[in-house]
Amino acid sequence: MLSASPVPSPTPVPTWNESQKGLLDLNTATLEQLDKLPGIGESKARAILEYRMKKGRFKRVEELMDVKGIGEKMFAKIKGQVFVVPR
């Protein structure tokens, strides 16, 4: 006779968004959300949105440095506050 032992449920793997709480997704962020990043302001937030519209989704956070007005110093200030979902 076979005994039925319970099969343990797999541990749920957190989704990307759950593991990135408090960070801003560059591919879904709104103007208002981007504007709140340190040193960004409305004009740079608009530039980020325009870049995203023209080039498509960000593949790496480092692409922010391709946006007009965002150089290495600015990127260093915000890189720990943003992420992109790899696809």
PDB file of N, CA and C in Angstrom:
ATOM      1  N   MET A   1       0.834  -1.175   0.000  1.00  0.00           N
ATOM      2  CA  MET A   1       0.000   0.000   0.000  1.00  0.00           C
ATOM      3  C   MET A   1       0.886   1.247   0.000  1.00  0.00           C
ATOM      4  N   LEU A   2       0.594   2.163  -0.864  1.00  0.00           N
ATOM      5  CA  LEU A   2       1.367   3.395  -0.960  1.00  0.00           C
ATOM      6  C   LEU A   2       0.827   4.422   0.022  1.00  0.00           C
ATOM      7  N   SER A   3       1.740   5.092   0.662  1.00  0.00           N
ATOM      8  CA  SER A   3       1.283   6.155   1.564  1.00  0.00           C
ATOM      9  C   SER A   3       1.408   7.485   0.842  1.00  0.00           C
ATOM     10  N   ALA A   4       0.447   8.296   1.047  1.00  0.00           N
ATOM     11  CA  ALA A   4       0.458   9.615   0.408  1.00  0.00           C
ATOM     12  C   ALA A   4       1.065  10.612   1.380  1.00  0.00           C
ATOM     13  N   SER A   5       2.273  11.004   1.090  1.00  0.00           N
ATOM     14  CA  SER A   5       2.878  12.024   1.939  1.00  0.00           C
ATOM     15  C   SER A   5       2.698  13.372   1.260  1.00  0.00           C
ATOM     16  N   PRO A   6       2.461  14.387   2.048  1.00  0.00           N
ATOM     17  CA  PRO A   6       2.239  15.700   1.431  1.00  0.00           C
ATOM     18  C   PRO A   6       3.482  16.178   0.696  1.00  0.00           C
ATOM     19  N   VAL A   7       3.252  16.754  -0.439  1.00  0.00           N
ATOM     20  CA  VAL A   7       4.339  17.321  -1.236  1.00  0.00           C
ATOM     21  C   VAL A   7       4.505  18.767  -0.795  1.00  0.00           C
ATOM     22  N   PRO A   8       5.704  19.136  -0.381  1.00  0.00           N
ATOM     23  CA  PRO A   8       5.880  20.521   0.065  1.00  0.00           C
ATOM     24  C   PRO A   8       5.674  21.494  -1.093  1.00  0.00           C
ATOM     25  N   SER A   9       5.031  22.586  -0.777  1.00  0.00           N
ATOM     26  CA  SER A   9       4.821  23.626  -1.784  1.00  0.00           C
ATOM     27  C   SER A   9       6.138  24.317  -2.052  1.00  0.00           C
ATOM     28  N   PRO A  10       6.395  24.629  -3.303  1.00  0.00           N
ATOM     29  CA  PRO A  10       7.632  25.359  -3.589  1.00  0.00           C
ATOM     30  C   PRO A  10       7.572  26.745  -2.955  1.00  0.00           C
ATOM     31  N   THR A  11       8.718  27.223  -2.533  1.00  0.00           N
ATOM     32  CA  THR A  11       8.788  28.567  -1.969  1.00  0.00           C
ATOM     33  C   THR A  11       8.505  29.561  -3.077  1.00  0.00           C
ATOM     34  N   PRO A  12       7.558  30.470  -2.847  1.00  0.00           N
ATOM     35  CA  PRO A  12       7.257  31.425  -3.911  1.00  0.00           C
ATOM     36  C   PRO A  12       8.457  32.315  -4.217  1.00  0.00           C
ATOM     37  N   VAL A  13       8.713  32.468  -5.471  1.00  0.00           N
ATOM     38  CA  VAL A  13       9.798  33.338  -5.912  1.00  0.00           C
ATOM     39  C   VAL A  13       9.225  34.733  -6.070  1.00  0.00           C
ATOM     40  N   PRO A  14       9.837  35.727  -5.433  1.00  0.00           N
ATOM     41  CA  PRO A  14       9.278  37.071  -5.563  1.00  0.00           C
ATOM     42  C   PRO A  14       9.366  37.566  -6.994  1.00  0.00           C
ATOM     43  N   THR A  15       8.371  38.310  -7.401  1.00  0.00           N
ATOM     44  CA  THR A  15       8.425  38.921  -8.727  1.00  0.00           C
ATOM     45  C   THR A  15       9.469  40.017  -8.700  1.00  0.00           C
ATOM     46  N   TRP A  16       9.846  40.497  -9.868  1.00  0.00           N
ATOM     47  CA  TRP A  16      10.860  41.542  -9.938  1.00  0.00           C
ATOM     48  C   TRP A  16      10.421  42.757  -9.136  1.00  0.00           C
ATOM     49  N   ASN A  17       9.171  43.173  -9.277  1.00  0.00           N
ATOM     50  CA  ASN A  17       8.701  44.363  -8.569  1.00  0.00           C
ATOM     51  C   ASN A  17       8.707  44.164  -7.062  1.00  0.00           C
ATOM     52  N   GLU A  18       8.371  42.982  -6.588  1.00  0.00           N
ATOM     53  CA  GLU A  18       8.379  42.732  -5.152  1.00  0.00           C
ATOM     54  C   GLU A  18       9.787  42.800  -4.589  1.00  0.00           C
ATOM     55  N   SER A  19      10.762  42.388  -5.361  1.00  0.00           N
ATOM     56  CA  SER A  19      12.132  42.403  -4.867  1.00  0.00           C
ATOM     57  C   SER A  19      12.782  43.773  -5.035  1.00  0.00           C
ATOM     58  N   GLN A  20      12.115  44.677  -5.693  1.00  0.00           N
ATOM     59  CA  GLN A  20      12.670  46.005  -5.946  1.00  0.00           C
ATOM     60  C   GLN A  20      11.847  47.102  -5.261  1.00  0.00           C
ATOM     61  N   LYS A  21      11.211  46.795  -4.147  1.00  0.00           N
ATOM     62  CA  LYS A  21      10.363  47.782  -3.466  1.00  0.00           C
ATOM     63  C   LYS A  21      11.145  49.056  -3.187  1.00  0.00           C
ATOM     64  N   GLY A  22      10.500  50.160  -3.424  1.00  0.00           N
ATOM     65  CA  GLY A  22      11.121  51.446  -3.164  1.00  0.00           C
ATOM     66  C   GLY A  22      11.949  51.974  -4.317  1.00  0.00           C
ATOM     67  N   LEU A  23      12.166  51.169  -5.336  1.00  0.00           N
ATOM     68  CA  LEU A  23      12.933  51.618  -6.493  1.00  0.00           C
ATOM     69  C   LEU A  23      11.983  51.967  -7.629  1.00  0.00           C
ATOM     70  N   LEU A  24      12.468  52.760  -8.535  1.00  0.00           N
ATOM     71  CA  LEU A  24      11.655  53.245  -9.640  1.00  0.00           C
ATOM     72  C   LEU A  24      12.030  52.529 -10.930  1.00  0.00           C
ATOM     73  N   ASP A  25      11.043  51.929 -11.588  1.00  0.00           N
ATOM     74  CA  ASP A  25      11.257  51.247 -12.867  1.00  0.00           C
ATOM     75  C   ASP A  25      11.305  52.302 -13.970  1.00  0.00           C
ATOM     76  N   LEU A  26      12.441  52.417 -14.625  1.00  0.00           N
ATOM     77  CA  LEU A  26      12.607  53.431 -15.670  1.00  0.00           C
ATOM     78  C   LEU A  26      11.663  53.231 -16.844  1.00  0.00           C
ATOM     79  N   ASN A  27      11.162  52.028 -17.039  1.00  0.00           N
ATOM     80  CA  ASN A  27      10.296  51.757 -18.184  1.00  0.00           C
ATOM     81  C   ASN A  27       8.826  52.021 -17.911  1.00  0.00           C
ATOM     82  N   THR A  28       8.458  52.253 -16.669  1.00  0.00           N
ATOM     83  CA  THR A  28       7.054  52.524 -16.348  1.00  0.00           C
ATOM     84  C   THR A  28       6.873  53.811 -15.561  1.00  0.00           C
ATOM     85  N   ALA A  29       7.959  54.443 -15.163  1.00  0.00           N
ATOM     86  CA  ALA A  29       7.883  55.641 -14.326  1.00  0.00           C
ATOM     87  C   ALA A  29       7.184  56.787 -15.049  1.00  0.00           C
ATOM     88  N   THR A  30       6.406  57.537 -14.289  1.00  0.00           N
ATOM     89  CA  THR A  30       5.713  58.710 -14.816  1.00  0.00           C
ATOM     90  C   THR A  30       6.602  59.940 -14.684  1.00  0.00           C
ATOM     91  N   LEU A  31       6.183  61.018 -15.307  1.00  0.00           N
ATOM     92  CA  LEU A  31       6.894  62.289 -15.198  1.00  0.00           C
ATOM     93  C   LEU A  31       7.023  62.692 -13.734  1.00  0.00           C
ATOM     94  N   GLU A  32       5.938  62.581 -12.994  1.00  0.00           N
ATOM     95  CA  GLU A  32       5.933  62.979 -11.590  1.00  0.00           C
ATOM     96  C   GLU A  32       6.897  62.133 -10.758  1.00  0.00           C
ATOM     97  N   GLN A  33       6.957  60.845 -11.036  1.00  0.00           N
ATOM     98  CA  GLN A  33       7.864  59.967 -10.295  1.00  0.00           C
ATOM     99  C   GLN A  33       9.320  60.281 -10.619  1.00  0.00           C
ATOM    100  N   LEU A  34       9.619  60.471 -11.886  1.00  0.00           N
ATOM    101  CA  LEU A  34      10.990  60.784 -12.289  1.00  0.00           C
ATOM    102  C   LEU A  34      11.428  62.128 -11.726  1.00  0.00           C
ATOM    103  N   ASP A  35      10.511  63.079 -11.687  1.00  0.00           N
ATOM    104  CA  ASP A  35      10.787  64.424 -11.186  1.00  0.00           C
ATOM    105  C   ASP A  35      11.244  64.401  -9.729  1.00  0.00           C
ATOM    106  N   LYS A  36      10.836  63.391  -8.978  1.00  0.00           N
ATOM    107  CA  LYS A  36      11.177  63.300  -7.553  1.00  0.00           C
ATOM    108  C   LYS A  36      12.572  62.729  -7.302  1.00  0.00           C
ATOM    109  N   LEU A  37      13.202  62.187  -8.323  1.00  0.00           N
ATOM    110  CA  LEU A  37      14.561  61.678  -8.152  1.00  0.00           C
ATOM    111  C   LEU A  37      15.502  62.847  -7.889  1.00  0.00           C
ATOM    112  N   PRO A  38      16.511  62.661  -7.036  1.00  0.00           N
ATOM    113  CA  PRO A  38      17.409  63.763  -6.693  1.00  0.00           C
ATOM    114  C   PRO A  38      18.130  64.335  -7.912  1.00  0.00           C
ATOM    115  N   GLY A  39      17.978  65.647  -8.101  1.00  0.00           N
ATOM    116  CA  GLY A  39      18.668  66.337  -9.177  1.00  0.00           C
ATOM    117  C   GLY A  39      18.030  66.230 -10.544  1.00  0.00           C
ATOM    118  N   ILE A  40      16.916  65.529 -10.664  1.00  0.00           N
ATOM    119  CA  ILE A  40      16.315  65.336 -11.987  1.00  0.00           C
ATOM    120  C   ILE A  40      15.457  66.529 -12.385  1.00  0.00           C
ATOM    121  N   GLY A  41      14.429  66.837 -11.673  1.00  0.00           N
ATOM    122  CA  GLY A  41      13.570  67.960 -12.038  1.00  0.00           C
ATOM    123  C   GLY A  41      12.729  67.655 -13.264  1.00  0.00           C
ATOM    124  N   GLU A  42      11.837  68.591 -13.569  1.00  0.00           N
ATOM    125  CA  GLU A  42      10.872  68.353 -14.643  1.00  0.00           C
ATOM    126  C   GLU A  42      11.510  68.243 -16.021  1.00  0.00           C
ATOM    127  N   SER A  43      12.487  69.089 -16.328  1.00  0.00           N
ATOM    128  CA  SER A  43      13.053  69.063 -17.685  1.00  0.00           C
ATOM    129  C   SER A  43      13.815  67.762 -17.956  1.00  0.00           C
ATOM    130  N   LYS A  44      14.580  67.278 -16.990  1.00  0.00           N
ATOM    131  CA  LYS A  44      15.291  66.006 -17.193  1.00  0.00           C
ATOM    132  C   LYS A  44      14.306  64.838 -17.186  1.00  0.00           C
ATOM    133  N   ALA A  45      13.260  64.939 -16.375  1.00  0.00           N
ATOM    134  CA  ALA A  45      12.235  63.888 -16.366  1.00  0.00           C
ATOM    135  C   ALA A  45      11.584  63.797 -17.746  1.00  0.00           C
ATOM    136  N   ARG A  46      11.284  64.947 -18.340  1.00  0.00           N
ATOM    137  CA  ARG A  46      10.716  64.958 -19.699  1.00  0.00           C
ATOM    138  C   ARG A  46      11.704  64.356 -20.704  1.00  0.00           C
ATOM    139  N   ALA A  47      12.980  64.677 -20.540  1.00  0.00           N
ATOM    140  CA  ALA A  47      14.001  64.137 -21.447  1.00  0.00           C
ATOM    141  C   ALA A  47      14.071  62.610 -21.335  1.00  0.00           C
ATOM    142  N   ILE A  48      13.919  62.087 -20.132  1.00  0.00           N
ATOM    143  CA  ILE A  48      13.925  60.630 -19.933  1.00  0.00           C
ATOM    144  C   ILE A  48      12.731  60.009 -20.647  1.00  0.00           C
ATOM    145  N   LEU A  49      11.560  60.626 -20.492  1.00  0.00           N
ATOM    146  CA  LEU A  49      10.362  60.100 -21.154  1.00  0.00           C
ATOM    147  C   LEU A  49      10.485  60.179 -22.674  1.00  0.00           C
ATOM    148  N   GLU A  50      11.042  61.273 -23.191  1.00  0.00           N
ATOM    149  CA  GLU A  50      11.236  61.411 -24.642  1.00  0.00           C
ATOM    150  C   GLU A  50      12.205  60.344 -25.153  1.00  0.00           C
ATOM    151  N   TYR A  51      13.283  60.134 -24.414  1.00  0.00           N
ATOM    152  CA  TYR A  51      14.250  59.103 -24.795  1.00  0.00           C
ATOM    153  C   TYR A  51      13.561  57.742 -24.857  1.00  0.00           C
ATOM    154  N   ARG A  52      12.762  57.447 -23.852  1.00  0.00           N
ATOM    155  CA  ARG A  52      12.055  56.162 -23.791  1.00  0.00           C
ATOM    156  C   ARG A  52      11.079  56.017 -24.954  1.00  0.00           C
ATOM    157  N   MET A  53      10.411  57.106 -25.325  1.00  0.00           N
ATOM    158  CA  MET A  53       9.471  57.048 -26.447  1.00  0.00           C
ATOM    159  C   MET A  53      10.201  56.815 -27.767  1.00  0.00           C
ATOM    160  N   LYS A  54      11.351  57.458 -27.947  1.00  0.00           N
ATOM    161  CA  LYS A  54      12.099  57.344 -29.201  1.00  0.00           C
ATOM    162  C   LYS A  54      12.867  56.029 -29.315  1.00  0.00           C
ATOM    163  N   LYS A  55      13.518  55.629 -28.240  1.00  0.00           N
ATOM    164  CA  LYS A  55      14.416  54.468 -28.280  1.00  0.00           C
ATOM    165  C   LYS A  55      13.767  53.170 -27.812  1.00  0.00           C
ATOM    166  N   GLY A  56      12.631  53.272 -27.140  1.00  0.00           N
ATOM    167  CA  GLY A  56      12.009  52.069 -26.585  1.00  0.00           C
ATOM    168  C   GLY A  56      12.452  51.839 -25.151  1.00  0.00           C
ATOM    169  N   ARG A  57      12.141  50.665 -24.655  1.00  0.00           N
ATOM    170  CA  ARG A  57      12.435  50.330 -23.262  1.00  0.00           C
ATOM    171  C   ARG A  57      13.924  50.447 -22.940  1.00  0.00           C
ATOM    172  N   PHE A  58      14.202  50.871 -21.728  1.00  0.00           N
ATOM    173  CA  PHE A  58      15.573  50.835 -21.231  1.00  0.00           C
ATOM    174  C   PHE A  58      15.936  49.371 -21.007  1.00  0.00           C
ATOM    175  N   LYS A  59      17.105  48.989 -21.444  1.00  0.00           N
ATOM    176  CA  LYS A  59      17.579  47.623 -21.228  1.00  0.00           C
ATOM    177  C   LYS A  59      18.516  47.551 -20.022  1.00  0.00           C
ATOM    178  N   ARG A  60      19.179  48.673 -19.753  1.00  0.00           N
ATOM    179  CA  ARG A  60      20.104  48.775 -18.614  1.00  0.00           C
ATOM    180  C   ARG A  60      19.952  50.163 -18.004  1.00  0.00           C
ATOM    181  N   VAL A  61      20.125  50.277 -16.698  1.00  0.00           N
ATOM    182  CA  VAL A  61      20.006  51.595 -16.067  1.00  0.00           C
ATOM    183  C   VAL A  61      21.081  52.552 -16.575  1.00  0.00           C
ATOM    184  N   GLU A  62      22.206  52.020 -17.002  1.00  0.00           N
ATOM    185  CA  GLU A  62      23.296  52.859 -17.501  1.00  0.00           C
ATOM    186  C   GLU A  62      22.905  53.663 -18.739  1.00  0.00           C
ATOM    187  N   GLU A  63      21.853  53.241 -19.430  1.00  0.00           N
ATOM    188  CA  GLU A  63      21.381  53.985 -20.597  1.00  0.00           C
ATOM    189  C   GLU A  63      20.906  55.386 -20.221  1.00  0.00           C
ATOM    190  N   LEU A  64      20.633  55.616 -18.946  1.00  0.00           N
ATOM    191  CA  LEU A  64      20.237  56.961 -18.515  1.00  0.00           C
ATOM    192  C   LEU A  64      21.286  57.991 -18.910  1.00  0.00           C
ATOM    193  N   MET A  65      22.544  57.581 -18.946  1.00  0.00           N
ATOM    194  CA  MET A  65      23.606  58.517 -19.312  1.00  0.00           C
ATOM    195  C   MET A  65      23.550  58.915 -20.780  1.00  0.00           C
ATOM    196  N   ASP A  66      22.720  58.243 -21.572  1.00  0.00           N
ATOM    197  CA  ASP A  66      22.513  58.630 -22.966  1.00  0.00           C
ATOM    198  C   ASP A  66      21.467  59.731 -23.090  1.00  0.00           C
ATOM    199  N   VAL A  67      20.758  60.010 -21.998  1.00  0.00           N
ATOM    200  CA  VAL A  67      19.727  61.047 -21.992  1.00  0.00           C
ATOM    201  C   VAL A  67      20.403  62.399 -21.816  1.00  0.00           C
ATOM    202  N   LYS A  68      20.003  63.362 -22.632  1.00  0.00           N
ATOM    203  CA  LYS A  68      20.587  64.699 -22.565  1.00  0.00           C
ATOM    204  C   LYS A  68      20.425  65.277 -21.160  1.00  0.00           C
ATOM    205  N   GLY A  69      21.532  65.744 -20.599  1.00  0.00           N
ATOM    206  CA  GLY A  69      21.504  66.364 -19.278  1.00  0.00           C
ATOM    207  C   GLY A  69      21.829  65.420 -18.132  1.00  0.00           C
ATOM    208  N   ILE A  70      22.007  64.135 -18.440  1.00  0.00           N
ATOM    209  CA  ILE A  70      22.342  63.179 -17.384  1.00  0.00           C
ATOM    210  C   ILE A  70      23.715  62.590 -17.687  1.00  0.00           C
ATOM    211  N   GLY A  71      24.674  63.026 -16.907  1.00  0.00           N
ATOM    212  CA  GLY A  71      26.034  62.533 -17.062  1.00  0.00           C
ATOM    213  C   GLY A  71      26.393  61.560 -15.952  1.00  0.00           C
ATOM    214  N   GLU A  72      27.681  61.285 -15.832  1.00  0.00           N
ATOM    215  CA  GLU A  72      28.140  60.313 -14.842  1.00  0.00           C
ATOM    216  C   GLU A  72      27.823  60.739 -13.415  1.00  0.00           C
ATOM    217  N   LYS A  73      28.006  62.030 -13.101  1.00  0.00           N
ATOM    218  CA  LYS A  73      27.746  62.503 -11.733  1.00  0.00           C
ATOM    219  C   LYS A  73      26.273  62.372 -11.373  1.00  0.00           C
ATOM    220  N   MET A  74      25.405  62.788 -12.277  1.00  0.00           N
ATOM    221  CA  MET A  74      23.966  62.696 -12.032  1.00  0.00           C
ATOM    222  C   MET A  74      23.555  61.227 -11.918  1.00  0.00           C
ATOM    223  N   PHE A  75      24.079  60.403 -12.807  1.00  0.00           N
ATOM    224  CA  PHE A  75      23.757  58.980 -12.777  1.00  0.00           C
ATOM    225  C   PHE A  75      24.186  58.358 -11.448  1.00  0.00           C
ATOM    226  N   ALA A  76      25.354  58.744 -10.953  1.00  0.00           N
ATOM    227  CA  ALA A  76      25.846  58.200  -9.686  1.00  0.00           C
ATOM    228  C   ALA A  76      24.892  58.526  -8.536  1.00  0.00           C
ATOM    229  N   LYS A  77      24.222  59.683  -8.605  1.00  0.00           N
ATOM    230  CA  LYS A  77      23.285  60.088  -7.547  1.00  0.00           C
ATOM    231  C   LYS A  77      22.018  59.243  -7.537  1.00  0.00           C
ATOM    232  N   ILE A  78      21.588  58.776  -8.711  1.00  0.00           N
ATOM    233  CA  ILE A  78      20.276  58.119  -8.782  1.00  0.00           C
ATOM    234  C   ILE A  78      20.320  56.630  -9.103  1.00  0.00           C
ATOM    235  N   LYS A  79      21.484  56.100  -9.457  1.00  0.00           N
ATOM    236  CA  LYS A  79      21.531  54.707  -9.920  1.00  0.00           C
ATOM    237  C   LYS A  79      21.026  53.708  -8.887  1.00  0.00           C
ATOM    238  N   GLY A  80      21.144  54.004  -7.621  1.00  0.00           N
ATOM    239  CA  GLY A  80      20.656  53.100  -6.591  1.00  0.00           C
ATOM    240  C   GLY A  80      19.166  53.205  -6.337  1.00  0.00           C
ATOM    241  N   GLN A  81      18.502  54.120  -7.052  1.00  0.00           N
ATOM    242  CA  GLN A  81      17.073  54.347  -6.846  1.00  0.00           C
ATOM    243  C   GLN A  81      16.221  53.925  -8.033  1.00  0.00           C
ATOM    244  N   VAL A  82      16.871  53.431  -9.086  1.00  0.00           N
ATOM    245  CA  VAL A  82      16.142  53.053 -10.298  1.00  0.00           C
ATOM    246  C   VAL A  82      16.535  51.640 -10.727  1.00  0.00           C
ATOM    247  N   PHE A  83      15.674  51.026 -11.531  1.00  0.00           N
ATOM    248  CA  PHE A  83      15.965  49.709 -12.082  1.00  0.00           C
ATOM    249  C   PHE A  83      15.201  49.555 -13.385  1.00  0.00           C
ATOM    250  N   VAL A  84      15.554  48.530 -14.131  1.00  0.00           N
ATOM    251  CA  VAL A  84      14.785  48.149 -15.317  1.00  0.00           C
ATOM    252  C   VAL A  84      14.499  46.659 -15.209  1.00  0.00           C
ATOM    253  N   VAL A  85      13.354  46.250 -15.711  1.00  0.00           N
ATOM    254  CA  VAL A  85      12.995  44.838 -15.715  1.00  0.00           C
ATOM    255  C   VAL A  85      13.623  44.206 -16.947  1.00  0.00           C
ATOM    256  N   PRO A  86      14.505  43.232 -16.753  1.00  0.00           N
ATOM    257  CA  PRO A  86      15.114  42.597 -17.925  1.00  0.00           C
ATOM    258  C   PRO A  86      14.072  41.828 -18.724  1.00  0.00           C
ATOM    259  N   ARG A  87      14.172  41.911 -20.036  1.00  0.00           N
ATOM    260  CA  ARG A  87      13.228  41.199 -20.911  1.00  0.00           C
ATOM    261  C   ARG A  87      13.986  40.369 -21.896  1.00  0.00           C
TER     262      ARG A  87
END
